[in-house]
Structure formats: C-alpha cells, structure tokens
Amino acid sequence: MPTALGGFLPLIAMLVVFYLFLIIPENKRKKKYNQMINDLKVNDEIISRGGIMGKIVNIQDSFIILESGPDRSRIKLSKQGIANVIEKEETEK
C-alpha cells in the first residue's frame, strides 16, 4: 500500500505544479484582457492583433469601428481582434 501511494506522489506533484504555473496565470491573463475589452470607450486608441493602429469612433455589441490613417479610413473590427489599448502617455511621447 505505501508503495502505490509513493508511485502517485510524483504525478500529483506534477499536476499541482502544472496548475500553479500554467492554469492560474492564464486565467488571470484572460480576466485582465476581458476587463480591457469591457472598458473600451469612444476615442480610445488601440492596436489590433494584425498591427493596425487607430481610434475607436463607434462601439457595437461585438464590433468596433476604427478610424485609422491620415485619410481617416474606417475599419470594422471584432473586439476580440484588439491586442492592446494605447495609453495616452505613450502617444504624447
């Protein structure tokens, strides 16, 4: 009986380490990303996952309208396509 339990201890330890180092940080990252998506507002400057930078001019349920470039072209983009919101301090530099 003690040898069977000793055989499972390394497996249990690996599962605990896997949970601590992979699952918990991923859940925190998803929560932070979803919060960023929910906090979007008009005139926020964003960068898409494809590298397009622009300003939000309209927000719909699951899409945004992005204005980009000197000719002010507009692009309809899924909210899930947003990589990051550009902070105001970064744009002023």
N, C-alpha and C. Protein backbone atom coordinates (compact mmCIF):
# COMPACT_ATOMS: atom_id res chain seq x y z
N MET A 1 0.82 -1.21 0.00
CA MET A 1 0.00 0.00 0.00
C MET A 1 0.86 1.27 0.00
N PRO A 2 1.87 1.40 0.85
CA PRO A 2 2.69 2.61 0.83
C PRO A 2 3.42 2.79 -0.51
N THR A 3 3.79 1.72 -1.20
CA THR A 3 4.48 1.86 -2.48
C THR A 3 3.54 2.37 -3.57
N ALA A 4 2.28 2.00 -3.51
CA ALA A 4 1.31 2.50 -4.50
C ALA A 4 1.10 4.00 -4.31
N LEU A 5 1.03 4.45 -3.08
CA LEU A 5 0.88 5.86 -2.80
C LEU A 5 2.14 6.62 -3.21
N GLY A 6 3.29 6.03 -2.98
CA GLY A 6 4.55 6.65 -3.38
C GLY A 6 4.68 6.78 -4.89
N GLY A 7 4.05 5.90 -5.62
CA GLY A 7 4.06 5.97 -7.08
C GLY A 7 3.20 7.10 -7.62
N PHE A 8 2.17 7.45 -6.89
CA PHE A 8 1.27 8.52 -7.33
C PHE A 8 1.73 9.91 -6.90
N LEU A 9 2.59 10.01 -5.91
CA LEU A 9 3.04 11.31 -5.43
C LEU A 9 3.72 12.16 -6.50
N PRO A 10 4.62 11.61 -7.32
CA PRO A 10 5.21 12.45 -8.37
C PRO A 10 4.16 12.96 -9.37
N LEU A 11 3.18 12.13 -9.71
CA LEU A 11 2.12 12.53 -10.62
C LEU A 11 1.28 13.64 -10.01
N ILE A 12 0.95 13.50 -8.75
CA ILE A 12 0.16 14.53 -8.05
C ILE A 12 0.96 15.83 -7.97
N ALA A 13 2.25 15.72 -7.67
CA ALA A 13 3.10 16.91 -7.59
C ALA A 13 3.19 17.61 -8.95
N MET A 14 3.29 16.85 -10.04
CA MET A 14 3.33 17.45 -11.37
C MET A 14 2.02 18.15 -11.70
N LEU A 15 0.91 17.59 -11.31
CA LEU A 15 -0.38 18.22 -11.55
C LEU A 15 -0.51 19.54 -10.77
N VAL A 16 -0.04 19.55 -9.54
CA VAL A 16 -0.08 20.76 -8.73
C VAL A 16 0.80 21.85 -9.35
N VAL A 17 2.01 21.48 -9.77
CA VAL A 17 2.92 22.44 -10.41
C VAL A 17 2.32 22.95 -11.72
N PHE A 18 1.73 22.06 -12.50
CA PHE A 18 1.07 22.45 -13.75
C PHE A 18 -0.03 23.45 -13.48
N TYR A 19 -0.83 23.21 -12.46
CA TYR A 19 -1.92 24.11 -12.11
C TYR A 19 -1.39 25.47 -11.66
N LEU A 20 -0.36 25.47 -10.82
CA LEU A 20 0.17 26.72 -10.28
C LEU A 20 0.87 27.58 -11.33
N PHE A 21 1.60 26.95 -12.25
CA PHE A 21 2.40 27.71 -13.20
C PHE A 21 1.76 27.95 -14.55
N LEU A 22 0.71 27.20 -14.89
CA LEU A 22 0.08 27.38 -16.20
C LEU A 22 -1.37 27.83 -16.13
N ILE A 23 -2.16 27.19 -15.35
CA ILE A 23 -3.60 27.46 -15.36
C ILE A 23 -3.93 28.76 -14.64
N ILE A 24 -3.41 28.99 -13.46
CA ILE A 24 -3.72 30.21 -12.71
C ILE A 24 -3.26 31.47 -13.46
N PRO A 25 -2.01 31.55 -13.98
CA PRO A 25 -1.61 32.75 -14.72
C PRO A 25 -2.45 32.97 -15.99
N GLU A 26 -2.83 31.90 -16.67
CA GLU A 26 -3.65 32.04 -17.88
C GLU A 26 -5.03 32.60 -17.53
N ASN A 27 -5.62 32.15 -16.44
CA ASN A 27 -6.92 32.67 -16.02
C ASN A 27 -6.82 34.15 -15.65
N LYS A 28 -5.73 34.56 -15.00
CA LYS A 28 -5.52 35.97 -14.67
C LYS A 28 -5.38 36.80 -15.93
N ARG A 29 -4.64 36.28 -16.92
CA ARG A 29 -4.45 37.00 -18.18
C ARG A 29 -5.78 37.17 -18.91
N LYS A 30 -6.60 36.11 -18.95
CA LYS A 30 -7.91 36.20 -19.60
C LYS A 30 -8.82 37.19 -18.90
N LYS A 31 -8.79 37.20 -17.59
CA LYS A 31 -9.63 38.12 -16.83
C LYS A 31 -9.21 39.57 -17.11
N LYS A 32 -7.91 39.84 -17.15
CA LYS A 32 -7.40 41.18 -17.43
C LYS A 32 -7.76 41.62 -18.85
N TYR A 33 -7.65 40.71 -19.83
CA TYR A 33 -7.99 41.02 -21.22
C TYR A 33 -9.48 41.33 -21.35
N ASN A 34 -10.33 40.50 -20.74
CA ASN A 34 -11.78 40.74 -20.80
C ASN A 34 -12.15 42.06 -20.15
N GLN A 35 -11.47 42.42 -19.08
CA GLN A 35 -11.72 43.71 -18.43
C GLN A 35 -11.34 44.86 -19.37
N MET A 36 -10.22 44.70 -20.08
CA MET A 36 -9.79 45.73 -21.02
C MET A 36 -10.83 45.88 -22.14
N ILE A 37 -11.35 44.78 -22.66
CA ILE A 37 -12.35 44.81 -23.72
C ILE A 37 -13.63 45.48 -23.21
N ASN A 38 -14.04 45.18 -21.99
CA ASN A 38 -15.26 45.77 -21.44
C ASN A 38 -15.11 47.25 -21.13
N ASP A 39 -13.89 47.72 -20.90
CA ASP A 39 -13.64 49.12 -20.56
C ASP A 39 -13.40 50.02 -21.78
N LEU A 40 -13.51 49.46 -23.00
CA LEU A 40 -13.28 50.27 -24.19
C LEU A 40 -14.32 51.38 -24.29
N LYS A 41 -13.87 52.53 -24.77
CA LYS A 41 -14.78 53.65 -24.98
C LYS A 41 -14.36 54.40 -26.24
N VAL A 42 -15.27 55.21 -26.74
CA VAL A 42 -15.01 56.01 -27.94
C VAL A 42 -13.81 56.92 -27.66
N ASN A 43 -12.99 57.12 -28.68
CA ASN A 43 -11.75 57.92 -28.67
C ASN A 43 -10.57 57.21 -28.03
N ASP A 44 -10.72 55.97 -27.57
CA ASP A 44 -9.56 55.20 -27.13
C ASP A 44 -8.73 54.84 -28.36
N GLU A 45 -7.42 54.91 -28.24
CA GLU A 45 -6.55 54.46 -29.32
C GLU A 45 -6.12 53.04 -29.02
N ILE A 46 -6.24 52.18 -30.04
CA ILE A 46 -5.94 50.76 -29.85
C ILE A 46 -4.99 50.29 -30.95
N ILE A 47 -4.43 49.11 -30.71
CA ILE A 47 -3.67 48.41 -31.74
C ILE A 47 -4.29 47.03 -31.88
N SER A 48 -4.53 46.62 -33.11
CA SER A 48 -5.17 45.33 -33.35
C SER A 48 -4.12 44.22 -33.34
N ARG A 49 -4.60 43.00 -33.34
CA ARG A 49 -3.68 41.86 -33.38
C ARG A 49 -2.93 41.81 -34.71
N GLY A 50 -3.49 42.43 -35.74
CA GLY A 50 -2.83 42.50 -37.04
C GLY A 50 -1.90 43.67 -37.19
N GLY A 51 -1.82 44.54 -36.16
CA GLY A 51 -0.90 45.66 -36.18
C GLY A 51 -1.51 46.97 -36.63
N ILE A 52 -2.82 47.01 -36.84
CA ILE A 52 -3.47 48.25 -37.25
C ILE A 52 -3.69 49.12 -36.02
N MET A 53 -3.27 50.37 -36.12
CA MET A 53 -3.46 51.31 -35.02
C MET A 53 -4.52 52.32 -35.44
N GLY A 54 -5.35 52.70 -34.47
CA GLY A 54 -6.37 53.68 -34.79
C GLY A 54 -7.17 54.08 -33.57
N LYS A 55 -8.16 54.95 -33.82
CA LYS A 55 -9.00 55.48 -32.76
C LYS A 55 -10.41 54.90 -32.91
N ILE A 56 -11.02 54.51 -31.81
CA ILE A 56 -12.37 53.97 -31.82
C ILE A 56 -13.35 55.12 -32.03
N VAL A 57 -14.23 54.99 -33.04
CA VAL A 57 -15.24 56.02 -33.28
C VAL A 57 -16.65 55.53 -32.98
N ASN A 58 -16.84 54.19 -32.89
CA ASN A 58 -18.15 53.64 -32.58
C ASN A 58 -17.96 52.26 -31.97
N ILE A 59 -18.78 51.94 -30.98
CA ILE A 59 -18.72 50.63 -30.34
C ILE A 59 -20.07 49.96 -30.48
N GLN A 60 -20.07 48.74 -31.02
CA GLN A 60 -21.28 47.94 -31.15
C GLN A 60 -21.15 46.75 -30.21
N ASP A 61 -22.07 45.80 -30.29
CA ASP A 61 -22.06 44.66 -29.37
C ASP A 61 -20.72 43.92 -29.36
N SER A 62 -20.34 43.37 -30.49
CA SER A 62 -19.09 42.60 -30.54
C SER A 62 -18.10 43.18 -31.55
N PHE A 63 -18.40 44.37 -32.07
CA PHE A 63 -17.52 45.01 -33.04
C PHE A 63 -17.25 46.45 -32.64
N ILE A 64 -16.18 46.99 -33.20
CA ILE A 64 -15.89 48.42 -33.06
C ILE A 64 -15.62 48.97 -34.46
N ILE A 65 -15.82 50.26 -34.62
CA ILE A 65 -15.43 50.94 -35.85
C ILE A 65 -14.17 51.72 -35.51
N LEU A 66 -13.12 51.45 -36.27
CA LEU A 66 -11.81 52.02 -36.02
C LEU A 66 -11.48 53.01 -37.12
N GLU A 67 -11.00 54.18 -36.75
CA GLU A 67 -10.58 55.19 -37.72
C GLU A 67 -9.06 55.21 -37.72
N SER A 68 -8.47 55.06 -38.92
CA SER A 68 -7.02 54.93 -38.99
C SER A 68 -6.46 55.67 -40.19
N GLY A 69 -5.28 56.18 -40.05
CA GLY A 69 -4.56 56.79 -41.17
C GLY A 69 -4.90 58.24 -41.39
N PRO A 70 -4.07 58.91 -42.21
CA PRO A 70 -4.29 60.33 -42.47
C PRO A 70 -5.56 60.60 -43.28
N ASP A 71 -6.01 59.62 -44.06
CA ASP A 71 -7.24 59.81 -44.84
C ASP A 71 -8.49 59.43 -44.04
N ARG A 72 -8.29 59.07 -42.76
CA ARG A 72 -9.36 58.77 -41.82
C ARG A 72 -10.25 57.62 -42.30
N SER A 73 -9.62 56.58 -42.86
CA SER A 73 -10.40 55.43 -43.31
C SER A 73 -10.94 54.68 -42.10
N ARG A 74 -12.11 54.10 -42.27
CA ARG A 74 -12.77 53.39 -41.17
C ARG A 74 -12.78 51.90 -41.45
N ILE A 75 -12.56 51.14 -40.37
CA ILE A 75 -12.48 49.68 -40.45
C ILE A 75 -13.39 49.11 -39.36
N LYS A 76 -14.18 48.10 -39.72
CA LYS A 76 -14.99 47.39 -38.73
C LYS A 76 -14.15 46.23 -38.22
N LEU A 77 -13.99 46.15 -36.91
CA LEU A 77 -13.08 45.18 -36.31
C LEU A 77 -13.77 44.48 -35.15
N SER A 78 -13.57 43.18 -35.03
CA SER A 78 -14.09 42.44 -33.89
C SER A 78 -13.38 42.88 -32.62
N LYS A 79 -14.11 42.92 -31.52
CA LYS A 79 -13.48 43.30 -30.25
C LYS A 79 -12.38 42.31 -29.87
N GLN A 80 -12.54 41.06 -30.26
CA GLN A 80 -11.54 40.06 -29.93
C GLN A 80 -10.27 40.23 -30.76
N GLY A 81 -10.31 41.09 -31.78
CA GLY A 81 -9.13 41.38 -32.60
C GLY A 81 -8.25 42.47 -32.02
N ILE A 82 -8.65 43.02 -30.88
CA ILE A 82 -7.88 44.09 -30.25
C ILE A 82 -6.76 43.47 -29.42
N ALA A 83 -5.55 43.93 -29.65
CA ALA A 83 -4.41 43.42 -28.88
C ALA A 83 -4.18 44.25 -27.63
N ASN A 84 -4.27 45.59 -27.77
CA ASN A 84 -3.93 46.43 -26.63
C ASN A 84 -4.52 47.82 -26.82
N VAL A 85 -4.79 48.48 -25.72
CA VAL A 85 -5.19 49.88 -25.73
C VAL A 85 -3.93 50.71 -25.53
N ILE A 86 -3.74 51.69 -26.39
CA ILE A 86 -2.55 52.55 -26.30
C ILE A 86 -2.84 53.63 -25.27
N GLU A 87 -1.99 53.71 -24.29
CA GLU A 87 -2.17 54.70 -23.21
C GLU A 87 -1.88 56.10 -23.73
N LYS A 88 -2.50 57.09 -23.16
CA LYS A 88 -2.35 58.50 -23.60
C LYS A 88 -0.90 58.96 -23.46
N GLU A 89 -0.18 58.55 -22.42
CA GLU A 89 1.20 58.97 -22.22
C GLU A 89 2.10 58.48 -23.34
N GLU A 90 1.81 57.28 -23.87
CA GLU A 90 2.63 56.72 -24.95
C GLU A 90 2.46 57.51 -26.22
N THR A 91 1.26 58.02 -26.50
CA THR A 91 1.03 58.74 -27.75
C THR A 91 1.61 60.15 -27.71
N GLU A 92 1.79 60.71 -26.54
CA GLU A 92 2.32 62.06 -26.41
C GLU A 92 3.83 62.12 -26.58
N LYS A 93 4.52 61.01 -26.38
CA LYS A 93 6.00 60.99 -26.44
C LYS A 93 6.52 61.13 -27.83
